[in-house]
Structures are given as structure tokens and as C-alpha cells.
Amino acid sequence: MIYLDTHVVLLLYDKQLGEIPQKTVAAIEQTNDLRISPIVLLELQYIHEIQRIRYAPKIVVDFLVRAINLSICNLPFSDVVVAAAALGWPRDPFDRLIVGHALAQGAELVTKDRLIRENYKQTIWD
């Protein structure tokens, strides 16, 4: 099981695999259980509303569900919040919940975010 950060979701949707390290692309391609936290949908919506992306989150996620068998995790939100509350380092609530989701599942997280990579040891970006 591998979770994807919001930035990675956008890179995959835009087919910008050259922006993702080759080993990371290989890890994504080799797993049959790619997931996102539902909070990624909300972050995509915010990014859409401030016009940093022109497409709606549902279009992005629906495409990746079909293209790479991505799924939206249905772990109870209370479990995610308990895991996220234990993290003291991310100030960004989206990052905190995304990492909390991966942590609650004991899963790896693909992220370019340096702060996350420095603090959550189960990241993939190399």
C-alpha cells in the first residue's frame, strides 16, 4: 500500500513523470494498492478555487482511478485524526492529515515535500 501526496497526484494526472524520480515511478508502477487520503480531494479543490489548476478535483481523481487503479482510502476519519494529532511538526493541516493517513495505515507515502520526507521516514522520493 502506497499513499500519494497531492503534488504527486497532479504530476501523474499531467503525465509529468519526468518530474518524479525514476525509482519512485517504479515503486508506483509496481504496487497494486495506490491510495489517497480524502483530504487530497479537498486540497485539490482549494488549489482549483485559487486557480492554480484549471480542472476540477473529480476529473483528476476519476482519471487516476481508471489509469492507475488509484483508490480513495476509507479509513475512519477519527483514526486519521488520532494519528495526525500525534505529529507535532506539520503546520499545514492538509499535510498533517495526509501524513496521518499514511501513519495510521503504517504505509509509505510518495511526496516531494522536504519537511515531510525529513520527518516521516516511510516516504518515497528517490
Protein backbone atom coordinates (compact mmCIF):
# COMPACT_ATOMS: atom_id res chain seq x y z
CA MET A 1 0.00 0.00 0.00
CA ILE A 2 1.34 3.39 -1.03
CA TYR A 3 -0.29 6.78 -0.45
CA LEU A 4 0.21 9.67 -2.83
CA ASP A 5 0.60 13.31 -1.80
CA THR A 6 -1.41 15.97 -3.62
CA HIS A 7 1.52 17.24 -5.66
CA VAL A 8 2.25 13.71 -6.90
CA VAL A 9 -1.40 13.25 -7.88
CA LEU A 10 -1.17 16.37 -10.04
CA LEU A 11 2.10 15.26 -11.64
CA LEU A 12 0.58 11.88 -12.51
CA TYR A 13 -2.56 13.49 -13.90
CA ASP A 14 -0.50 15.88 -16.03
CA LYS A 15 1.67 12.93 -17.15
CA GLN A 16 4.79 14.70 -15.91
CA LEU A 17 6.63 11.54 -14.95
CA GLY A 18 9.93 13.25 -15.70
CA GLU A 19 9.34 15.36 -12.58
CA ILE A 20 9.22 12.23 -10.41
CA PRO A 21 12.42 10.26 -9.67
CA GLN A 22 12.66 7.02 -11.67
CA LYS A 23 12.80 4.78 -8.58
CA THR A 24 9.67 6.46 -7.30
CA VAL A 25 7.87 5.93 -10.60
CA ALA A 26 8.94 2.28 -10.47
CA ALA A 27 7.52 1.92 -6.93
CA ILE A 28 4.23 3.44 -8.06
CA GLU A 29 4.06 1.15 -11.08
CA GLN A 30 4.90 -1.96 -9.05
CA THR A 31 2.21 -1.62 -6.40
CA ASN A 32 -1.35 -2.72 -6.87
CA ASP A 33 -2.62 -0.65 -3.94
CA LEU A 34 -2.29 3.09 -4.58
CA ARG A 35 -4.35 5.32 -2.33
CA ILE A 36 -5.00 8.90 -1.46
CA SER A 37 -6.41 10.40 1.67
CA PRO A 38 -9.79 12.04 1.07
CA ILE A 39 -8.19 15.29 2.26
CA VAL A 40 -6.31 15.31 -1.07
CA LEU A 41 -9.67 15.98 -2.75
CA LEU A 42 -10.22 19.00 -0.53
CA GLU A 43 -6.71 20.30 -1.15
CA LEU A 44 -7.23 19.90 -4.89
CA GLN A 45 -10.47 21.86 -4.56
CA TYR A 46 -8.67 24.71 -2.78
CA ILE A 47 -5.96 24.73 -5.44
CA HIS A 48 -8.68 24.81 -8.10
CA GLU A 49 -10.51 27.67 -6.40
CA ILE A 50 -7.40 29.84 -6.30
CA GLN A 51 -6.89 28.99 -9.97
CA ARG A 52 -3.57 27.16 -9.63
CA ILE A 53 -5.15 24.27 -11.53
CA ARG A 54 -7.87 24.60 -14.13
CA TYR A 55 -9.51 21.19 -13.75
CA ALA A 56 -11.90 20.04 -11.06
CA PRO A 57 -10.64 17.53 -8.47
CA LYS A 58 -13.20 14.92 -9.51
CA ILE A 59 -11.79 14.92 -13.06
CA VAL A 60 -8.25 14.41 -11.74
CA VAL A 61 -9.15 11.63 -9.34
CA ASP A 62 -11.57 9.84 -11.68
CA PHE A 63 -8.89 9.78 -14.36
CA LEU A 64 -6.31 8.28 -11.97
CA VAL A 65 -8.80 5.74 -10.66
CA ARG A 66 -9.11 4.44 -14.21
CA ALA A 67 -5.50 4.96 -15.31
CA ILE A 68 -3.54 3.62 -12.33
CA ASN A 69 -6.22 1.97 -10.18
CA LEU A 70 -6.00 4.70 -7.55
CA SER A 71 -8.44 4.46 -4.65
CA ILE A 72 -9.62 6.88 -2.00
CA CYS A 73 -8.94 5.43 1.41
CA ASN A 74 -11.99 4.86 3.60
CA LEU A 75 -10.20 4.58 6.94
CA PRO A 76 -12.39 6.17 9.64
CA PHE A 77 -11.59 9.87 9.98
CA SER A 78 -11.24 9.53 13.75
CA ASP A 79 -8.34 7.08 13.24
CA VAL A 80 -6.64 9.55 10.91
CA VAL A 81 -7.11 12.45 13.34
CA VAL A 82 -5.62 10.44 16.23
CA ALA A 83 -2.55 9.64 14.10
CA ALA A 84 -2.28 13.22 12.81
CA ALA A 85 -2.62 14.69 16.31
CA ALA A 86 0.47 12.78 17.38
CA LEU A 87 2.51 14.62 14.74
CA GLY A 88 3.95 17.85 16.04
CA TRP A 89 5.80 19.09 13.00
CA PRO A 90 3.49 19.86 10.06
CA ARG A 91 1.71 23.18 10.47
CA ASP A 92 -0.16 22.70 7.21
CA PRO A 93 -3.42 20.86 8.04
CA PHE A 94 -3.52 19.13 4.64
CA ASP A 95 0.00 17.74 5.10
CA ARG A 96 -0.74 16.73 8.64
CA LEU A 97 -3.82 14.73 7.63
CA ILE A 98 -2.14 13.20 4.57
CA VAL A 99 0.77 12.00 6.70
CA GLY A 100 -1.66 10.98 9.45
CA HIS A 101 -3.49 8.79 6.96
CA ALA A 102 -0.30 7.02 5.89
CA LEU A 103 0.85 6.73 9.51
CA ALA A 104 -2.45 5.24 10.66
CA GLN A 105 -2.05 2.55 8.00
CA GLY A 106 1.69 2.06 8.54
CA ALA A 107 2.07 2.84 4.85
CA GLU A 108 4.57 4.54 2.62
CA LEU A 109 3.87 7.99 1.24
CA VAL A 110 5.11 9.35 -2.07
CA THR A 111 5.89 13.02 -1.59
CA LYS A 112 8.23 15.66 -2.88
CA ASP A 113 7.74 17.73 0.28
CA ARG A 114 11.10 18.02 2.04
CA LEU A 115 9.63 18.63 5.50
CA ILE A 116 7.50 15.50 5.26
CA ARG A 117 10.45 13.46 3.97
CA GLU A 118 12.64 14.64 6.84
CA ASN A 119 10.08 13.73 9.48
CA TYR A 120 8.11 10.76 8.16
CA LYS A 121 10.61 8.02 7.45
CA GLN A 122 8.27 5.95 5.27
CA THR A 123 8.41 8.32 2.34
CA ILE A 124 9.38 7.53 -1.21
CA TRP A 125 11.13 10.14 -3.35
CA ASP A 126 14.41 8.97 -4.86
